[in-house]
Amino acid sequence: MSNRRTGLILDFGGVLTTPLLPAVLAFEQREGLPQGACLTALYKDEEGVRITSDLERGTVSQTEWNEFAGKMLGVPADNLMGRIFGDLRPEPLMINAAAAARRAGIKVGILSNSVGLAPWDLYDGYELERLYDVVVISEQHLLRKPDAELFEITLKLMDLPAEECVFVDDTEAYVQAAEQLGLAGVHNQDPRQTVATLSELLGVDLAAS
């Protein structure tokens, strides 16, 4: 492990939390919506893609997004983002792995595309500022993944070159964007496999208690 990497950058939703899709599907079921309604309205519709991207960049508020999405889905707008992701829970394997990495002297940062911070805060209760060395929330920089500049800001705050860092995300396109900048990328699909891969890349057993 002579080329041991010294930095780990983690996405938040779908990495430090349980997967996003089951939470969205559960929301659709609760609201009596057809399966896939959210994906169609917000990630395949051109205007839905635009306003969601603007939300991530912080140029649209969560309240404005809730109103737009509520109309698109035909459901009440009140705390809609919070209702959609209400079933998300912490992912202990990844949270514990991040803590193990820090104990081993590896810098651990968070790089997350925002869904707005009010009225519902996705990050509430996760103590990001205390548990991680660097926290980058996209809206605070008026950028969003996969913007290269947002990765560069994160690396600067980490005070590490790209070649010394590993980036983990549940969105493959963002992993590829990181790899193009020289980071090692890990596409998180299964936390156990991700922890095993990170252990190898970082030269530390992150599954150890």
C-alpha atoms as a PDB file:
ATOM      1  CA  MET A   1       0.000   0.000   0.000  1.00  0.00           C
ATOM      2  CA  SER A   2       2.817   2.423  -0.855  1.00  0.00           C
ATOM      3  CA  ASN A   3       0.370   4.624  -2.750  1.00  0.00           C
ATOM      4  CA  ARG A   4      -2.102   4.709   0.097  1.00  0.00           C
ATOM      5  CA  ARG A   5      -4.704   7.415  -0.329  1.00  0.00           C
ATOM      6  CA  THR A   6      -5.283   9.825   2.528  1.00  0.00           C
ATOM      7  CA  GLY A   7      -8.672  11.351   1.674  1.00  0.00           C
ATOM      8  CA  LEU A   8     -12.221   9.999   1.447  1.00  0.00           C
ATOM      9  CA  ILE A   9     -15.080  12.092   0.050  1.00  0.00           C
ATOM     10  CA  LEU A  10     -18.624  10.799   0.509  1.00  0.00           C
ATOM     11  CA  ASP A  11     -21.928  11.727  -1.021  1.00  0.00           C
ATOM     12  CA  PHE A  12     -24.677  11.974   1.600  1.00  0.00           C
ATOM     13  CA  GLY A  13     -28.112  10.802   0.412  1.00  0.00           C
ATOM     14  CA  GLY A  14     -27.902   7.169  -0.662  1.00  0.00           C
ATOM     15  CA  VAL A  15     -24.435   6.726   0.852  1.00  0.00           C
ATOM     16  CA  LEU A  16     -24.652   7.782   4.494  1.00  0.00           C
ATOM     17  CA  THR A  17     -28.396   7.128   4.324  1.00  0.00           C
ATOM     18  CA  THR A  18     -30.410   4.162   3.162  1.00  0.00           C
ATOM     19  CA  PRO A  19     -31.138   4.162  -0.615  1.00  0.00           C
ATOM     20  CA  LEU A  20     -33.279   6.924  -2.057  1.00  0.00           C
ATOM     21  CA  LEU A  21     -35.432   4.886  -4.446  1.00  0.00           C
ATOM     22  CA  PRO A  22     -37.255   2.738  -1.852  1.00  0.00           C
ATOM     23  CA  ALA A  23     -38.119   5.907   0.088  1.00  0.00           C
ATOM     24  CA  VAL A  24     -39.543   7.523  -3.054  1.00  0.00           C
ATOM     25  CA  LEU A  25     -41.531   4.393  -3.943  1.00  0.00           C
ATOM     26  CA  ALA A  26     -42.965   4.260  -0.415  1.00  0.00           C
ATOM     27  CA  PHE A  27     -43.996   7.919  -0.711  1.00  0.00           C
ATOM     28  CA  GLU A  28     -45.749   7.208  -4.013  1.00  0.00           C
ATOM     29  CA  GLN A  29     -47.630   4.329  -2.428  1.00  0.00           C
ATOM     30  CA  ARG A  30     -48.695   6.448   0.568  1.00  0.00           C
ATOM     31  CA  GLU A  31     -49.942   9.201  -1.728  1.00  0.00           C
ATOM     32  CA  GLY A  32     -51.757   6.818  -4.086  1.00  0.00           C
ATOM     33  CA  LEU A  33     -49.481   7.738  -6.993  1.00  0.00           C
ATOM     34  CA  PRO A  34     -48.499   5.303  -9.741  1.00  0.00           C
ATOM     35  CA  GLN A  35     -45.052   3.768  -9.337  1.00  0.00           C
ATOM     36  CA  GLY A  36     -42.476   5.940 -11.062  1.00  0.00           C
ATOM     37  CA  ALA A  37     -44.558   9.124 -10.894  1.00  0.00           C
ATOM     38  CA  CYS A  38     -41.785  11.105  -9.174  1.00  0.00           C
ATOM     39  CA  LEU A  39     -39.127   9.965 -11.620  1.00  0.00           C
ATOM     40  CA  THR A  40     -41.308  10.880 -14.589  1.00  0.00           C
ATOM     41  CA  ALA A  41     -42.390  14.282 -13.243  1.00  0.00           C
ATOM     42  CA  LEU A  42     -39.106  15.469 -11.771  1.00  0.00           C
ATOM     43  CA  TYR A  43     -36.246  13.692 -13.524  1.00  0.00           C
ATOM     44  CA  LYS A  44     -37.564  13.029 -17.027  1.00  0.00           C
ATOM     45  CA  ASP A  45     -39.653  16.164 -17.568  1.00  0.00           C
ATOM     46  CA  GLU A  46     -37.493  19.012 -18.925  1.00  0.00           C
ATOM     47  CA  GLU A  47     -38.907  21.635 -16.558  1.00  0.00           C
ATOM     48  CA  GLY A  48     -38.690  19.224 -13.636  1.00  0.00           C
ATOM     49  CA  VAL A  49     -35.010  18.581 -14.363  1.00  0.00           C
ATOM     50  CA  ARG A  50     -34.350  22.316 -14.587  1.00  0.00           C
ATOM     51  CA  ILE A  51     -36.003  23.271 -11.312  1.00  0.00           C
ATOM     52  CA  THR A  52     -34.405  20.345  -9.461  1.00  0.00           C
ATOM     53  CA  SER A  53     -30.993  21.410 -10.773  1.00  0.00           C
ATOM     54  CA  ASP A  54     -31.749  24.982  -9.661  1.00  0.00           C
ATOM     55  CA  LEU A  55     -32.670  23.666  -6.210  1.00  0.00           C
ATOM     56  CA  GLU A  56     -29.346  21.861  -5.970  1.00  0.00           C
ATOM     57  CA  ARG A  57     -27.534  25.070  -6.948  1.00  0.00           C
ATOM     58  CA  GLY A  58     -29.502  27.084  -4.405  1.00  0.00           C
ATOM     59  CA  THR A  59     -31.189  29.393  -6.916  1.00  0.00           C
ATOM     60  CA  VAL A  60     -34.619  27.921  -6.135  1.00  0.00           C
ATOM     61  CA  SER A  61     -35.848  27.381  -2.562  1.00  0.00           C
ATOM     62  CA  GLN A  62     -37.153  24.090  -1.257  1.00  0.00           C
ATOM     63  CA  THR A  63     -40.548  25.755  -0.755  1.00  0.00           C
ATOM     64  CA  GLU A  64     -40.627  26.808  -4.411  1.00  0.00           C
ATOM     65  CA  TRP A  65     -39.614  23.314  -5.449  1.00  0.00           C
ATOM     66  CA  ASN A  66     -42.329  21.824  -3.224  1.00  0.00           C
ATOM     67  CA  GLU A  67     -44.951  24.007  -4.908  1.00  0.00           C
ATOM     68  CA  PHE A  68     -43.774  23.060  -8.393  1.00  0.00           C
ATOM     69  CA  ALA A  69     -43.485  19.349  -7.600  1.00  0.00           C
ATOM     70  CA  GLY A  70     -46.840  19.315  -5.828  1.00  0.00           C
ATOM     71  CA  LYS A  71     -48.530  20.634  -8.959  1.00  0.00           C
ATOM     72  CA  MET A  72     -46.679  18.172 -11.175  1.00  0.00           C
ATOM     73  CA  LEU A  73     -47.661  15.232  -8.962  1.00  0.00           C
ATOM     74  CA  GLY A  74     -51.113  16.462  -7.994  1.00  0.00           C
ATOM     75  CA  VAL A  75     -50.382  16.262  -4.255  1.00  0.00           C
ATOM     76  CA  PRO A  76     -50.227  18.892  -1.457  1.00  0.00           C
ATOM     77  CA  ALA A  77     -47.026  20.958  -1.495  1.00  0.00           C
ATOM     78  CA  ASP A  78     -46.718  21.193   2.291  1.00  0.00           C
ATOM     79  CA  ASN A  79     -43.289  19.806   3.300  1.00  0.00           C
ATOM     80  CA  LEU A  80     -43.298  17.731   0.118  1.00  0.00           C
ATOM     81  CA  MET A  81     -39.542  17.110   0.085  1.00  0.00           C
ATOM     82  CA  GLY A  82     -39.718  15.861   3.660  1.00  0.00           C
ATOM     83  CA  ARG A  83     -42.619  13.582   2.790  1.00  0.00           C
ATOM     84  CA  ILE A  84     -40.860  12.144  -0.250  1.00  0.00           C
ATOM     85  CA  PHE A  85     -37.758  11.221   1.738  1.00  0.00           C
ATOM     86  CA  GLY A  86     -39.437  10.552   5.051  1.00  0.00           C
ATOM     87  CA  ASP A  87     -38.343   6.906   5.101  1.00  0.00           C
ATOM     88  CA  LEU A  88     -34.610   7.624   4.772  1.00  0.00           C
ATOM     89  CA  ARG A  89     -32.544   6.330   7.672  1.00  0.00           C
ATOM     90  CA  PRO A  90     -28.838   6.410   8.554  1.00  0.00           C
ATOM     91  CA  GLU A  91     -26.722   3.701   6.885  1.00  0.00           C
ATOM     92  CA  PRO A  92     -24.640   2.371   9.796  1.00  0.00           C
ATOM     93  CA  LEU A  93     -22.104   0.431   7.694  1.00  0.00           C
ATOM     94  CA  MET A  94     -21.020   3.562   5.838  1.00  0.00           C
ATOM     95  CA  ILE A  95     -21.189   5.860   8.858  1.00  0.00           C
ATOM     96  CA  ASN A  96     -19.063   3.439  10.866  1.00  0.00           C
ATOM     97  CA  ALA A  97     -16.630   3.063   7.970  1.00  0.00           C
ATOM     98  CA  ALA A  98     -16.210   6.830   7.769  1.00  0.00           C
ATOM     99  CA  ALA A  99     -15.498   6.969  11.494  1.00  0.00           C
ATOM    100  CA  ALA A 100     -12.949   4.145  11.155  1.00  0.00           C
ATOM    101  CA  ALA A 101     -11.234   6.021   8.331  1.00  0.00           C
ATOM    102  CA  ARG A 102     -10.900   9.133  10.473  1.00  0.00           C
ATOM    103  CA  ARG A 103      -9.496   7.118  13.352  1.00  0.00           C
ATOM    104  CA  ALA A 104      -6.869   5.818  10.935  1.00  0.00           C
ATOM    105  CA  GLY A 105      -5.830   9.368  10.072  1.00  0.00           C
ATOM    106  CA  ILE A 106      -7.711   9.657   6.782  1.00  0.00           C
ATOM    107  CA  LYS A 107      -9.471  12.958   6.096  1.00  0.00           C
ATOM    108  CA  VAL A 108     -13.169  12.393   5.450  1.00  0.00           C
ATOM    109  CA  GLY A 109     -15.337  14.939   3.668  1.00  0.00           C
ATOM    110  CA  ILE A 110     -18.961  15.189   2.575  1.00  0.00           C
ATOM    111  CA  LEU A 111     -19.920  16.425  -0.909  1.00  0.00           C
ATOM    112  CA  SER A 112     -23.691  16.532  -1.303  1.00  0.00           C
ATOM    113  CA  ASN A 113     -26.113  17.989  -3.810  1.00  0.00           C
ATOM    114  CA  SER A 114     -28.576  19.971  -1.736  1.00  0.00           C
ATOM    115  CA  VAL A 115     -32.331  19.466  -1.656  1.00  0.00           C
ATOM    116  CA  GLY A 116     -32.711  22.742   0.240  1.00  0.00           C
ATOM    117  CA  LEU A 117     -32.304  23.147   3.976  1.00  0.00           C
ATOM    118  CA  ALA A 118     -35.756  24.465   4.932  1.00  0.00           C
ATOM    119  CA  PRO A 119     -38.474  23.711   5.813  1.00  0.00           C
ATOM    120  CA  TRP A 120     -37.026  20.170   5.814  1.00  0.00           C
ATOM    121  CA  ASP A 121     -33.345  19.538   6.508  1.00  0.00           C
ATOM    122  CA  LEU A 122     -32.020  16.278   5.037  1.00  0.00           C
ATOM    123  CA  TYR A 123     -28.894  16.521   7.198  1.00  0.00           C
ATOM    124  CA  ASP A 124     -30.616  17.079  10.539  1.00  0.00           C
ATOM    125  CA  GLY A 125     -29.345  14.718  13.232  1.00  0.00           C
ATOM    126  CA  TYR A 126     -26.278  13.495  11.359  1.00  0.00           C
ATOM    127  CA  GLU A 127     -23.836  15.887  13.092  1.00  0.00           C
ATOM    128  CA  LEU A 128     -21.894  16.449   9.894  1.00  0.00           C
ATOM    129  CA  GLU A 129     -19.813  19.348  11.165  1.00  0.00           C
ATOM    130  CA  ARG A 130     -18.656  17.322  14.166  1.00  0.00           C
ATOM    131  CA  LEU A 131     -18.105  13.942  12.553  1.00  0.00           C
ATOM    132  CA  TYR A 132     -16.446  14.936   9.260  1.00  0.00           C
ATOM    133  CA  ASP A 133     -13.456  17.083   8.376  1.00  0.00           C
ATOM    134  CA  VAL A 134     -15.026  18.931   5.454  1.00  0.00           C
ATOM    135  CA  VAL A 135     -18.702  19.443   4.572  1.00  0.00           C
ATOM    136  CA  VAL A 136     -19.632  20.814   1.132  1.00  0.00           C
ATOM    137  CA  ILE A 137     -23.344  21.318   0.420  1.00  0.00           C
ATOM    138  CA  SER A 138     -23.881  22.313  -3.206  1.00  0.00           C
ATOM    139  CA  GLU A 139     -26.317  25.201  -2.681  1.00  0.00           C
ATOM    140  CA  GLN A 140     -23.816  27.031  -0.475  1.00  0.00           C
ATOM    141  CA  HIS A 141     -21.501  27.304  -3.488  1.00  0.00           C
ATOM    142  CA  LEU A 142     -24.157  27.903  -6.200  1.00  0.00           C
ATOM    143  CA  LEU A 143     -22.937  24.771  -7.955  1.00  0.00           C
ATOM    144  CA  ARG A 144     -24.009  21.128  -8.202  1.00  0.00           C
ATOM    145  CA  LYS A 145     -22.411  17.795  -8.954  1.00  0.00           C
ATOM    146  CA  PRO A 146     -21.138  16.989 -11.545  1.00  0.00           C
ATOM    147  CA  ASP A 147     -19.703  20.533 -11.879  1.00  0.00           C
ATOM    148  CA  ALA A 148     -15.920  20.155 -11.830  1.00  0.00           C
ATOM    149  CA  GLU A 149     -15.574  23.368  -9.824  1.00  0.00           C
ATOM    150  CA  LEU A 150     -17.511  21.866  -6.922  1.00  0.00           C
ATOM    151  CA  PHE A 151     -15.127  18.915  -6.751  1.00  0.00           C
ATOM    152  CA  GLU A 152     -12.187  21.319  -6.910  1.00  0.00           C
ATOM    153  CA  ILE A 153     -13.610  23.376  -4.030  1.00  0.00           C
ATOM    154  CA  THR A 154     -13.957  20.186  -1.985  1.00  0.00           C
ATOM    155  CA  LEU A 155     -10.380  19.126  -2.717  1.00  0.00           C
ATOM    156  CA  LYS A 156      -9.111  22.568  -1.744  1.00  0.00           C
ATOM    157  CA  LEU A 157     -10.961  22.384   1.582  1.00  0.00           C
ATOM    158  CA  MET A 158      -9.624  18.859   2.100  1.00  0.00           C
ATOM    159  CA  ASP A 159      -6.145  20.255   1.343  1.00  0.00           C
ATOM    160  CA  LEU A 160      -5.399  17.159  -0.722  1.00  0.00           C
ATOM    161  CA  PRO A 161      -4.739  16.508  -4.423  1.00  0.00           C
ATOM    162  CA  ALA A 162      -7.305  14.520  -6.388  1.00  0.00           C
ATOM    163  CA  GLU A 163      -4.917  11.575  -6.718  1.00  0.00           C
ATOM    164  CA  GLU A 164      -4.917  11.062  -2.933  1.00  0.00           C
ATOM    165  CA  CYS A 165      -8.713  10.961  -2.626  1.00  0.00           C
ATOM    166  CA  VAL A 166     -11.477   8.428  -3.107  1.00  0.00           C
ATOM    167  CA  PHE A 167     -14.993   9.613  -3.972  1.00  0.00           C
ATOM    168  CA  VAL A 168     -18.148   7.584  -3.246  1.00  0.00           C
ATOM    169  CA  ASP A 169     -21.573   8.316  -4.715  1.00  0.00           C
ATOM    170  CA  ASP A 170     -24.728   6.373  -5.509  1.00  0.00           C
ATOM    171  CA  THR A 171     -25.020   8.242  -8.845  1.00  0.00           C
ATOM    172  CA  GLU A 172     -22.657   6.737 -11.406  1.00  0.00           C
ATOM    173  CA  ALA A 173     -22.393   9.924 -13.485  1.00  0.00           C
ATOM    174  CA  TYR A 174     -21.003  11.802 -10.480  1.00  0.00           C
ATOM    175  CA  VAL A 175     -18.470   9.047  -9.843  1.00  0.00           C
ATOM    176  CA  GLN A 176     -17.352   9.324 -13.470  1.00  0.00           C
ATOM    177  CA  ALA A 177     -17.030  13.118 -13.145  1.00  0.00           C
ATOM    178  CA  ALA A 178     -14.781  12.635 -10.113  1.00  0.00           C
ATOM    179  CA  GLU A 179     -12.655  10.062 -11.931  1.00  0.00           C
ATOM    180  CA  GLN A 180     -12.114  12.498 -14.808  1.00  0.00           C
ATOM    181  CA  LEU A 181     -10.507  14.857 -12.292  1.00  0.00           C
ATOM    182  CA  GLY A 182      -8.166  12.163 -11.004  1.00  0.00           C
ATOM    183  CA  LEU A 183     -10.030  10.868  -7.957  1.00  0.00           C
ATOM    184  CA  ALA A 184     -10.576   7.156  -7.454  1.00  0.00           C
ATOM    185  CA  GLY A 185     -14.303   6.540  -7.816  1.00  0.00           C
ATOM    186  CA  VAL A 186     -16.592   4.061  -6.091  1.00  0.00           C
ATOM    187  CA  HIS A 187     -20.206   3.657  -7.219  1.00  0.00           C
ATOM    188  CA  ASN A 188     -22.122   2.741  -4.074  1.00  0.00           C
ATOM    189  CA  GLN A 189     -24.742   0.105  -4.805  1.00  0.00           C
ATOM    190  CA  ASP A 190     -24.257  -2.143  -1.799  1.00  0.00           C
ATOM    191  CA  PRO A 191     -22.769  -0.768   1.443  1.00  0.00           C
ATOM    192  CA  ARG A 192     -20.929  -3.991   2.317  1.00  0.00           C
ATOM    193  CA  GLN A 193     -19.216  -4.100  -1.063  1.00  0.00           C
ATOM    194  CA  THR A 194     -18.448  -0.383  -0.878  1.00  0.00           C
ATOM    195  CA  VAL A 195     -16.820  -0.763   2.536  1.00  0.00           C
ATOM    196  CA  ALA A 196     -14.727  -3.680   1.229  1.00  0.00           C
ATOM    197  CA  THR A 197     -13.636  -1.669  -1.818  1.00  0.00           C
ATOM    198  CA  LEU A 198     -12.758   1.355   0.296  1.00  0.00           C
ATOM    199  CA  SER A 199     -10.790  -0.805   2.714  1.00  0.00           C
ATOM    200  CA  GLU A 200      -8.667  -1.964  -0.192  1.00  0.00           C
ATOM    201  CA  LEU A 201      -8.236   1.491  -1.716  1.00  0.00           C
ATOM    202  CA  LEU A 202      -7.375   3.159   1.582  1.00  0.00           C
ATOM    203  CA  GLY A 203      -5.328   0.338   3.062  1.00  0.00           C
ATOM    204  CA  VAL A 204      -7.425   0.247   6.237  1.00  0.00           C
ATOM    205  CA  ASP A 205      -9.983  -2.329   7.395  1.00  0.00           C
ATOM    206  CA  LEU A 206     -13.030  -0.084   7.605  1.00  0.00           C
ATOM    207  CA  ALA A 207     -15.303  -2.949   8.667  1.00  0.00           C
ATOM    208  CA  ALA A 208     -13.410  -3.499  11.926  1.00  0.00           C
ATOM    209  CA  SER A 209     -15.297  -2.510  15.042  1.00  0.00           C
END
